[in-house]
């Protein structure tokens, strides 16, 4: 599977046992696969915009009921890059309106 090494590291880093408990009969893998596809697309888009993965990245996860969740995690430089991109998108949207 693509990104297995990242998956284990991301899962371990993001797992908060106080936030939720794994429930029997919940298909967490299905929700994670959906979130992973979306996270991969967002990471590709961020890279296409010049944002380095080490600065800001989308991480696949699931909620307590197995629903797909995508989290953004990054350092200040990555968040500033995202802010610039959003400001640019907002400006273009206003100009086209």
PDB file of N, CA and C in Angstrom:
ATOM      1  N   UNK A   1       0.853  -1.186   0.000  1.00  0.00           N
ATOM      2  CA  UNK A   1       0.000   0.000   0.000  1.00  0.00           C
ATOM      3  C   UNK A   1       0.885   1.230   0.000  1.00  0.00           C
ATOM      4  N   UNK A   2       0.479   2.248  -0.731  1.00  0.00           N
ATOM      5  CA  UNK A   2       1.216   3.499  -0.836  1.00  0.00           C
ATOM      6  C   UNK A   2       1.259   4.205   0.510  1.00  0.00           C
ATOM      7  N   UNK A   3       2.472   4.507   0.970  1.00  0.00           N
ATOM      8  CA  UNK A   3       2.596   5.310   2.180  1.00  0.00           C
ATOM      9  C   UNK A   3       2.424   4.557   3.478  1.00  0.00           C
ATOM     10  N   UNK A   4       2.671   3.239   3.506  1.00  0.00           N
ATOM     11  CA  UNK A   4       2.502   2.473   4.738  1.00  0.00           C
ATOM     12  C   UNK A   4       3.369   3.010   5.861  1.00  0.00           C
ATOM     13  N   UNK A   5       4.619   3.388   5.535  1.00  0.00           N
ATOM     14  CA  UNK A   5       5.512   3.906   6.565  1.00  0.00           C
ATOM     15  C   UNK A   5       4.959   5.185   7.169  1.00  0.00           C
ATOM     16  N   UNK A   6       4.457   6.082   6.310  1.00  0.00           N
ATOM     17  CA  UNK A   6       3.863   7.322   6.796  1.00  0.00           C
ATOM     18  C   UNK A   6       2.632   7.044   7.635  1.00  0.00           C
ATOM     19  N   UNK A   7       1.836   6.063   7.211  1.00  0.00           N
ATOM     20  CA  UNK A   7       0.603   5.752   7.926  1.00  0.00           C
ATOM     21  C   UNK A   7       0.887   5.399   9.376  1.00  0.00           C
ATOM     22  N   UNK A   8       1.856   4.518   9.613  1.00  0.00           N
ATOM     23  CA  UNK A   8       2.161   4.085  10.981  1.00  0.00           C
ATOM     24  C   UNK A   8       2.641   5.262  11.833  1.00  0.00           C
ATOM     25  N   UNK A   9       3.505   6.082  11.257  1.00  0.00           N
ATOM     26  CA  UNK A   9       4.012   7.238  12.003  1.00  0.00           C
ATOM     27  C   UNK A   9       2.894   8.230  12.277  1.00  0.00           C
ATOM     28  N   UNK A  10       2.043   8.488  11.279  1.00  0.00           N
ATOM     29  CA  UNK A  10       0.941   9.433  11.448  1.00  0.00           C
ATOM     30  C   UNK A  10      -0.063   8.926  12.471  1.00  0.00           C
ATOM     31  N   UNK A  11      -0.355   7.626  12.415  1.00  0.00           N
ATOM     32  CA  UNK A  11      -1.313   7.052  13.347  1.00  0.00           C
ATOM     33  C   UNK A  11      -0.794   7.164  14.770  1.00  0.00           C
ATOM     34  N   UNK A  12       0.463   6.813  14.974  1.00  0.00           N
ATOM     35  CA  UNK A  12       1.044   6.866  16.313  1.00  0.00           C
ATOM     36  C   UNK A  12       1.088   8.295  16.834  1.00  0.00           C
ATOM     37  N   UNK A  13       1.431   9.246  15.977  1.00  0.00           N
ATOM     38  CA  UNK A  13       1.537  10.642  16.409  1.00  0.00           C
ATOM     39  C   UNK A  13       0.179  11.241  16.731  1.00  0.00           C
ATOM     40  N   UNK A  14      -0.858  10.828  16.004  1.00  0.00           N
ATOM     41  CA  UNK A  14      -2.168  11.444  16.164  1.00  0.00           C
ATOM     42  C   UNK A  14      -3.111  10.717  17.097  1.00  0.00           C
ATOM     43  N   UNK A  15      -2.707   9.576  17.618  1.00  0.00           N
ATOM     44  CA  UNK A  15      -3.608   8.777  18.443  1.00  0.00           C
ATOM     45  C   UNK A  15      -3.663   9.322  19.863  1.00  0.00           C
ATOM     46  N   UNK A  16      -4.814   9.761  20.259  1.00  0.00           N
ATOM     47  CA  UNK A  16      -5.032  10.260  21.611  1.00  0.00           C
ATOM     48  C   UNK A  16      -6.014   9.321  22.293  1.00  0.00           C
ATOM     49  N   UNK A  17      -5.536   8.429  23.159  1.00  0.00           N
ATOM     50  CA  UNK A  17      -6.435   7.437  23.757  1.00  0.00           C
ATOM     51  C   UNK A  17      -7.554   8.048  24.597  1.00  0.00           C
ATOM     52  N   UNK A  18      -7.363   9.282  25.035  1.00  0.00           N
ATOM     53  CA  UNK A  18      -8.426   9.931  25.803  1.00  0.00           C
ATOM     54  C   UNK A  18      -9.518  10.498  24.901  1.00  0.00           C
ATOM     55  N   UNK A  19      -9.228  10.670  23.611  1.00  0.00           N
ATOM     56  CA  UNK A  19     -10.192  11.265  22.689  1.00  0.00           C
ATOM     57  C   UNK A  19     -11.275  10.276  22.280  1.00  0.00           C
ATOM     58  N   UNK A  20     -10.910   9.021  22.073  1.00  0.00           N
ATOM     59  CA  UNK A  20     -11.895   8.023  21.683  1.00  0.00           C
ATOM     60  C   UNK A  20     -11.304   6.630  21.852  1.00  0.00           C
ATOM     61  N   UNK A  21     -12.159   5.673  21.913  1.00  0.00           N
ATOM     62  CA  UNK A  21     -11.766   4.275  22.074  1.00  0.00           C
ATOM     63  C   UNK A  21     -12.191   3.523  20.825  1.00  0.00           C
ATOM     64  N   UNK A  22     -11.374   2.587  20.364  1.00  0.00           N
ATOM     65  CA  UNK A  22     -11.723   1.778  19.202  1.00  0.00           C
ATOM     66  C   UNK A  22     -12.947   0.937  19.544  1.00  0.00           C
ATOM     67  N   UNK A  23     -13.942   1.009  18.695  1.00  0.00           N
ATOM     68  CA  UNK A  23     -15.181   0.278  18.911  1.00  0.00           C
ATOM     69  C   UNK A  23     -15.191  -0.999  18.077  1.00  0.00           C
ATOM     70  N   UNK A  24     -15.681  -2.089  18.649  1.00  0.00           N
ATOM     71  CA  UNK A  24     -15.782  -3.314  17.854  1.00  0.00           C
ATOM     72  C   UNK A  24     -16.794  -3.115  16.721  1.00  0.00           C
ATOM     73  N   UNK A  25     -16.575  -3.809  15.625  1.00  0.00           N
ATOM     74  CA  UNK A  25     -17.466  -3.795  14.462  1.00  0.00           C
ATOM     75  C   UNK A  25     -17.494  -2.461  13.718  1.00  0.00           C
ATOM     76  N   UNK A  26     -16.547  -1.578  13.976  1.00  0.00           N
ATOM     77  CA  UNK A  26     -16.448  -0.326  13.218  1.00  0.00           C
ATOM     78  C   UNK A  26     -15.307  -0.489  12.220  1.00  0.00           C
ATOM     79  N   UNK A  27     -15.592  -0.237  10.946  1.00  0.00           N
ATOM     80  CA  UNK A  27     -14.596  -0.386   9.891  1.00  0.00           C
ATOM     81  C   UNK A  27     -13.789   0.907   9.760  1.00  0.00           C
ATOM     82  N   UNK A  28     -12.793   1.049  10.629  1.00  0.00           N
ATOM     83  CA  UNK A  28     -11.956   2.246  10.600  1.00  0.00           C
ATOM     84  C   UNK A  28     -11.116   2.309   9.326  1.00  0.00           C
ATOM     85  N   UNK A  29     -10.734   1.145   8.793  1.00  0.00           N
ATOM     86  CA  UNK A  29      -9.884   1.107   7.602  1.00  0.00           C
ATOM     87  C   UNK A  29     -10.590   1.732   6.396  1.00  0.00           C
ATOM     88  N   UNK A  30     -11.884   1.481   6.250  1.00  0.00           N
ATOM     89  CA  UNK A  30     -12.624   2.045   5.107  1.00  0.00           C
ATOM     90  C   UNK A  30     -12.637   3.571   5.179  1.00  0.00           C
ATOM     91  N   UNK A  31     -12.905   4.117   6.340  1.00  0.00           N
ATOM     92  CA  UNK A  31     -12.895   5.574   6.506  1.00  0.00           C
ATOM     93  C   UNK A  31     -11.510   6.149   6.289  1.00  0.00           C
ATOM     94  N   UNK A  32     -10.490   5.434   6.767  1.00  0.00           N
ATOM     95  CA  UNK A  32      -9.133   5.908   6.591  1.00  0.00           C
ATOM     96  C   UNK A  32      -8.752   5.909   5.118  1.00  0.00           C
ATOM     97  N   UNK A  33      -9.166   4.887   4.353  1.00  0.00           N
ATOM     98  CA  UNK A  33      -8.845   4.838   2.928  1.00  0.00           C
ATOM     99  C   UNK A  33      -9.452   6.032   2.184  1.00  0.00           C
ATOM    100  N   UNK A  34     -10.680   6.388   2.516  1.00  0.00           N
ATOM    101  CA  UNK A  34     -11.318   7.560   1.896  1.00  0.00           C
ATOM    102  C   UNK A  34     -10.535   8.823   2.267  1.00  0.00           C
ATOM    103  N   UNK A  35     -10.214   8.966   3.540  1.00  0.00           N
ATOM    104  CA  UNK A  35      -9.462  10.137   3.998  1.00  0.00           C
ATOM    105  C   UNK A  35      -8.081  10.174   3.360  1.00  0.00           C
ATOM    106  N   UNK A  36      -7.462   9.016   3.173  1.00  0.00           N
ATOM    107  CA  UNK A  36      -6.122   8.965   2.582  1.00  0.00           C
ATOM    108  C   UNK A  36      -6.148   9.460   1.139  1.00  0.00           C
ATOM    109  N   UNK A  37      -7.164   9.057   0.376  1.00  0.00           N
ATOM    110  CA  UNK A  37      -7.274   9.542  -1.007  1.00  0.00           C
ATOM    111  C   UNK A  37      -7.383  11.066  -1.031  1.00  0.00           C
ATOM    112  N   UNK A  38      -8.220  11.611  -0.164  1.00  0.00           N
ATOM    113  CA  UNK A  38      -8.401  13.066  -0.109  1.00  0.00           C
ATOM    114  C   UNK A  38      -7.132  13.762   0.373  1.00  0.00           C
ATOM    115  N   UNK A  39      -6.473  13.185   1.375  1.00  0.00           N
ATOM    116  CA  UNK A  39      -5.225  13.766   1.883  1.00  0.00           C
ATOM    117  C   UNK A  39      -4.153  13.752   0.799  1.00  0.00           C
ATOM    118  N   UNK A  40      -4.070  12.662   0.042  1.00  0.00           N
ATOM    119  CA  UNK A  40      -3.096  12.589  -1.054  1.00  0.00           C
ATOM    120  C   UNK A  40      -3.367  13.671  -2.092  1.00  0.00           C
ATOM    121  N   UNK A  41      -4.639  13.881  -2.431  1.00  0.00           N
ATOM    122  CA  UNK A  41      -4.993  14.925  -3.401  1.00  0.00           C
ATOM    123  C   UNK A  41      -4.625  16.305  -2.870  1.00  0.00           C
ATOM    124  N   UNK A  42      -4.924  16.559  -1.607  1.00  0.00           N
ATOM    125  CA  UNK A  42      -4.597  17.860  -1.017  1.00  0.00           C
ATOM    126  C   UNK A  42      -3.088  18.060  -0.946  1.00  0.00           C
ATOM    127  N   UNK A  43      -2.342  17.006  -0.583  1.00  0.00           N
ATOM    128  CA  UNK A  43      -0.879  17.117  -0.541  1.00  0.00           C
ATOM    129  C   UNK A  43      -0.306  17.391  -1.928  1.00  0.00           C
ATOM    130  N   UNK A  44      -0.877  16.770  -2.951  1.00  0.00           N
ATOM    131  CA  UNK A  44      -0.417  17.024  -4.322  1.00  0.00           C
ATOM    132  C   UNK A  44      -0.702  18.471  -4.724  1.00  0.00           C
ATOM    133  N   UNK A  45      -1.860  18.978  -4.340  1.00  0.00           N
ATOM    134  CA  UNK A  45      -2.214  20.362  -4.648  1.00  0.00           C
ATOM    135  C   UNK A  45      -1.300  21.344  -3.907  1.00  0.00           C
ATOM    136  N   UNK A  46      -1.041  21.068  -2.634  1.00  0.00           N
ATOM    137  CA  UNK A  46      -0.124  21.920  -1.873  1.00  0.00           C
ATOM    138  C   UNK A  46       1.261  21.925  -2.521  1.00  0.00           C
ATOM    139  N   UNK A  47       1.730  20.748  -2.936  1.00  0.00           N
ATOM    140  CA  UNK A  47       3.047  20.653  -3.581  1.00  0.00           C
ATOM    141  C   UNK A  47       3.056  21.431  -4.896  1.00  0.00           C
ATOM    142  N   UNK A  48       1.975  21.333  -5.664  1.00  0.00           N
ATOM    143  CA  UNK A  48       1.885  22.059  -6.930  1.00  0.00           C
ATOM    144  C   UNK A  48       1.922  23.569  -6.709  1.00  0.00           C
ATOM    145  N   UNK A  49       1.512  24.003  -5.530  1.00  0.00           N
ATOM    146  CA  UNK A  49       1.522  25.435  -5.182  1.00  0.00           C
ATOM    147  C   UNK A  49       2.827  25.846  -4.497  1.00  0.00           C
ATOM    148  N   UNK A  50       3.764  24.903  -4.389  1.00  0.00           N
ATOM    149  CA  UNK A  50       5.070  25.235  -3.823  1.00  0.00           C
ATOM    150  C   UNK A  50       5.196  25.054  -2.329  1.00  0.00           C
ATOM    151  N   UNK A  51       4.206  24.455  -1.689  1.00  0.00           N
ATOM    152  CA  UNK A  51       4.274  24.230  -0.243  1.00  0.00           C
ATOM    153  C   UNK A  51       4.963  22.885  -0.002  1.00  0.00           C
ATOM    154  N   UNK A  52       6.048  22.909   0.734  1.00  0.00           N
ATOM    155  CA  UNK A  52       6.805  21.691   1.008  1.00  0.00           C
ATOM    156  C   UNK A  52       6.076  20.840   2.050  1.00  0.00           C
ATOM    157  N   UNK A  53       6.124  19.525   1.841  1.00  0.00           N
ATOM    158  CA  UNK A  53       5.457  18.585   2.752  1.00  0.00           C
ATOM    159  C   UNK A  53       5.981  18.714   4.188  1.00  0.00           C
ATOM    160  N   UNK A  54       7.247  19.065   4.329  1.00  0.00           N
ATOM    161  CA  UNK A  54       7.820  19.233   5.659  1.00  0.00           C
ATOM    162  C   UNK A  54       7.251  20.468   6.368  1.00  0.00           C
ATOM    163  N   UNK A  55       6.634  21.364   5.601  1.00  0.00           N
ATOM    164  CA  UNK A  55       6.079  22.590   6.177  1.00  0.00           C
ATOM    165  C   UNK A  55       4.594  22.466   6.503  1.00  0.00           C
ATOM    166  N   UNK A  56       3.851  21.773   5.621  1.00  0.00           N
ATOM    167  CA  UNK A  56       2.407  21.623   5.820  1.00  0.00           C
ATOM    168  C   UNK A  56       1.963  20.386   5.064  1.00  0.00           C
ATOM    169  N   UNK A  57       1.198  19.535   5.739  1.00  0.00           N
ATOM    170  CA  UNK A  57       0.726  18.327   5.071  1.00  0.00           C
ATOM    171  C   UNK A  57      -0.630  17.908   5.594  1.00  0.00           C
ATOM    172  N   UNK A  58      -1.359  17.245   4.713  1.00  0.00           N
ATOM    173  CA  UNK A  58      -2.650  16.673   5.071  1.00  0.00           C
ATOM    174  C   UNK A  58      -2.412  15.242   5.553  1.00  0.00           C
ATOM    175  N   UNK A  59      -3.108  14.879   6.616  1.00  0.00           N
ATOM    176  CA  UNK A  59      -2.942  13.558   7.217  1.00  0.00           C
ATOM    177  C   UNK A  59      -4.303  12.887   7.322  1.00  0.00           C
ATOM    178  N   UNK A  60      -4.364  11.667   6.830  1.00  0.00           N
ATOM    179  CA  UNK A  60      -5.600  10.888   6.892  1.00  0.00           C
ATOM    180  C   UNK A  60      -5.822  10.382   8.303  1.00  0.00           C
ATOM    181  N   UNK A  61      -7.085  10.341   8.701  1.00  0.00           N
ATOM    182  CA  UNK A  61      -7.462   9.874  10.032  1.00  0.00           C
ATOM    183  C   UNK A  61      -8.917   9.422   9.967  1.00  0.00           C
ATOM    184  N   UNK A  62      -9.430   8.959  11.067  1.00  0.00           N
ATOM    185  CA  UNK A  62     -10.854   8.637  11.170  1.00  0.00           C
ATOM    186  C   UNK A  62     -11.392   9.224  12.467  1.00  0.00           C
ATOM    187  N   UNK A  63     -12.708   9.402  12.494  1.00  0.00           N
ATOM    188  CA  UNK A  63     -13.326   9.819  13.748  1.00  0.00           C
ATOM    189  C   UNK A  63     -13.684   8.575  14.561  1.00  0.00           C
ATOM    190  N   UNK A  64     -14.318   8.777  15.678  1.00  0.00           N
ATOM    191  CA  UNK A  64     -14.631   7.676  16.586  1.00  0.00           C
ATOM    192  C   UNK A  64     -15.557   6.639  15.975  1.00  0.00           C
ATOM    193  N   UNK A  65     -16.328   7.027  14.971  1.00  0.00           N
ATOM    194  CA  UNK A  65     -17.258   6.086  14.342  1.00  0.00           C
ATOM    195  C   UNK A  65     -16.735   5.558  13.009  1.00  0.00           C
ATOM    196  N   UNK A  66     -15.469   5.839  12.700  1.00  0.00           N
ATOM    197  CA  UNK A  66     -14.861   5.340  11.476  1.00  0.00           C
ATOM    198  C   UNK A  66     -15.022   6.232  10.270  1.00  0.00           C
ATOM    199  N   UNK A  67     -15.596   7.409  10.460  1.00  0.00           N
ATOM    200  CA  UNK A  67     -15.761   8.339   9.347  1.00  0.00           C
ATOM    201  C   UNK A  67     -14.439   8.958   8.937  1.00  0.00           C
ATOM    202  N   UNK A  68     -14.279   9.268   7.653  1.00  0.00           N
ATOM    203  CA  UNK A  68     -13.020   9.845   7.190  1.00  0.00           C
ATOM    204  C   UNK A  68     -12.802  11.265   7.716  1.00  0.00           C
ATOM    205  N   UNK A  69     -11.569  11.536   8.123  1.00  0.00           N
ATOM    206  CA  UNK A  69     -11.165  12.853   8.616  1.00  0.00           C
ATOM    207  C   UNK A  69      -9.806  13.167   7.995  1.00  0.00           C
ATOM    208  N   UNK A  70      -9.632  14.393   7.537  1.00  0.00           N
ATOM    209  CA  UNK A  70      -8.331  14.838   7.043  1.00  0.00           C
ATOM    210  C   UNK A  70      -7.901  16.011   7.908  1.00  0.00           C
ATOM    211  N   UNK A  71      -6.718  15.877   8.490  1.00  0.00           N
ATOM    212  CA  UNK A  71      -6.167  16.938   9.330  1.00  0.00           C
ATOM    213  C   UNK A  71      -5.023  17.623   8.600  1.00  0.00           C
ATOM    214  N   UNK A  72      -4.865  18.900   8.809  1.00  0.00           N
ATOM    215  CA  UNK A  72      -3.698  19.627   8.306  1.00  0.00           C
ATOM    216  C   UNK A  72      -2.754  19.854   9.474  1.00  0.00           C
ATOM    217  N   UNK A  73      -1.485  19.555   9.236  1.00  0.00           N
ATOM    218  CA  UNK A  73      -0.483  19.719  10.282  1.00  0.00           C
ATOM    219  C   UNK A  73       0.729  20.394   9.672  1.00  0.00           C
ATOM    220  N   UNK A  74       1.266  21.361  10.378  1.00  0.00           N
ATOM    221  CA  UNK A  74       2.431  22.026   9.822  1.00  0.00           C
ATOM    222  C   UNK A  74       3.093  22.986  10.777  1.00  0.00           C
ATOM    223  N   UNK A  75       4.194  23.515  10.282  1.00  0.00           N
ATOM    224  CA  UNK A  75       4.933  24.521  11.039  1.00  0.00           C
ATOM    225  C   UNK A  75       4.465  25.899  10.583  1.00  0.00           C
ATOM    226  N   UNK A  76       4.890  26.911  11.290  1.00  0.00           N
ATOM    227  CA  UNK A  76       4.425  28.278  11.007  1.00  0.00           C
ATOM    228  C   UNK A  76       4.654  28.668   9.557  1.00  0.00           C
ATOM    229  N   UNK A  77       5.795  28.322   8.992  1.00  0.00           N
ATOM    230  CA  UNK A  77       6.090  28.683   7.604  1.00  0.00           C
ATOM    231  C   UNK A  77       5.068  28.073   6.643  1.00  0.00           C
ATOM    232  N   UNK A  78       4.659  26.849   6.917  1.00  0.00           N
ATOM    233  CA  UNK A  78       3.648  26.198   6.083  1.00  0.00           C
ATOM    234  C   UNK A  78       2.298  26.879   6.194  1.00  0.00           C
ATOM    235  N   UNK A  79       1.927  27.257   7.395  1.00  0.00           N
ATOM    236  CA  UNK A  79       0.644  27.942   7.591  1.00  0.00           C
ATOM    237  C   UNK A  79       0.656  29.311   6.919  1.00  0.00           C
ATOM    238  N   UNK A  80       1.807  29.988   6.946  1.00  0.00           N
ATOM    239  CA  UNK A  80       1.912  31.279   6.266  1.00  0.00           C
ATOM    240  C   UNK A  80       1.789  31.096   4.748  1.00  0.00           C
ATOM    241  N   UNK A  81       2.352  30.020   4.228  1.00  0.00           N
ATOM    242  CA  UNK A  81       2.203  29.731   2.794  1.00  0.00           C
ATOM    243  C   UNK A  81       0.746  29.496   2.447  1.00  0.00           C
ATOM    244  N   UNK A  82       0.044  28.751   3.291  1.00  0.00           N
ATOM    245  CA  UNK A  82      -1.381  28.502   3.063  1.00  0.00           C
ATOM    246  C   UNK A  82      -2.169  29.807   3.130  1.00  0.00           C
ATOM    247  N   UNK A  83      -1.817  30.663   4.087  1.00  0.00           N
ATOM    248  CA  UNK A  83      -2.495  31.956   4.193  1.00  0.00           C
ATOM    249  C   UNK A  83      -2.309  32.772   2.912  1.00  0.00           C
ATOM    250  N   UNK A  84      -1.097  32.785   2.368  1.00  0.00           N
ATOM    251  CA  UNK A  84      -0.845  33.499   1.116  1.00  0.00           C
ATOM    252  C   UNK A  84      -1.691  32.940  -0.013  1.00  0.00           C
ATOM    253  N   UNK A  85      -1.755  31.628  -0.113  1.00  0.00           N
ATOM    254  CA  UNK A  85      -2.537  30.991  -1.171  1.00  0.00           C
ATOM    255  C   UNK A  85      -4.023  31.313  -1.038  1.00  0.00           C
ATOM    256  N   UNK A  86      -4.527  31.294   0.180  1.00  0.00           N
ATOM    257  CA  UNK A  86      -5.942  31.610   0.398  1.00  0.00           C
ATOM    258  C   UNK A  86      -6.237  33.071   0.096  1.00  0.00           C
ATOM    259  N   UNK A  87      -5.330  33.952   0.461  1.00  0.00           N
ATOM    260  CA  UNK A  87      -5.509  35.377   0.134  1.00  0.00           C
ATOM    261  C   UNK A  87      -5.524  35.581  -1.376  1.00  0.00           C
ATOM    262  N   UNK A  88      -4.634  34.899  -2.072  1.00  0.00           N
ATOM    263  CA  UNK A  88      -4.592  34.990  -3.531  1.00  0.00           C
ATOM    264  C   UNK A  88      -5.890  34.453  -4.139  1.00  0.00           C
ATOM    265  N   UNK A  89      -6.353  33.324  -3.641  1.00  0.00           N
ATOM    266  CA  UNK A  89      -7.607  32.738  -4.150  1.00  0.00           C
ATOM    267  C   UNK A  89      -8.783  33.674  -3.887  1.00  0.00           C
ATOM    268  N   UNK A  90      -8.826  34.288  -2.708  1.00  0.00           N
ATOM    269  CA  UNK A  90      -9.907  35.219  -2.382  1.00  0.00           C
ATOM    270  C   UNK A  90      -9.857  36.437  -3.311  1.00  0.00           C
ATOM    271  N   UNK A  91      -8.648  36.939  -3.588  1.00  0.00           N
ATOM    272  CA  UNK A  91      -8.504  38.086  -4.483  1.00  0.00           C
ATOM    273  C   UNK A  91      -8.996  37.742  -5.879  1.00  0.00           C
ATOM    274  N   UNK A  92      -8.580  36.614  -6.404  1.00  0.00           N
ATOM    275  CA  UNK A  92      -9.005  36.202  -7.752  1.00  0.00           C
ATOM    276  C   UNK A  92     -10.510  36.009  -7.780  1.00  0.00           C
ATOM    277  N   UNK A  93     -11.054  35.431  -6.754  1.00  0.00           N
ATOM    278  CA  UNK A  93     -12.514  35.219  -6.712  1.00  0.00           C
ATOM    279  C   UNK A  93     -13.266  36.561  -6.736  1.00  0.00           C
ATOM    280  N   UNK A  94     -12.765  37.526  -5.962  1.00  0.00           N
ATOM    281  CA  UNK A  94     -13.399  38.853  -5.956  1.00  0.00           C
ATOM    282  C   UNK A  94     -13.304  39.508  -7.323  1.00  0.00           C
ATOM    283  N   UNK A  95     -12.148  39.376  -7.968  1.00  0.00           N
ATOM    284  CA  UNK A  95     -11.937  39.989  -9.283  1.00  0.00           C
ATOM    285  C   UNK A  95     -12.836  39.370 -10.337  1.00  0.00           C
ATOM    286  N   UNK A  96     -13.118  38.088 -10.225  1.00  0.00           N
ATOM    287  CA  UNK A  96     -13.958  37.409 -11.214  1.00  0.00           C
ATOM    288  C   UNK A  96     -15.454  37.591 -10.960  1.00  0.00           C
ATOM    289  N   UNK A  97     -15.798  38.064  -9.772  1.00  0.00           N
ATOM    290  CA  UNK A  97     -17.213  38.233  -9.414  1.00  0.00           C
ATOM    291  C   UNK A  97     -17.837  39.455 -10.051  1.00  0.00           C
TER     292      UNK A  97
END
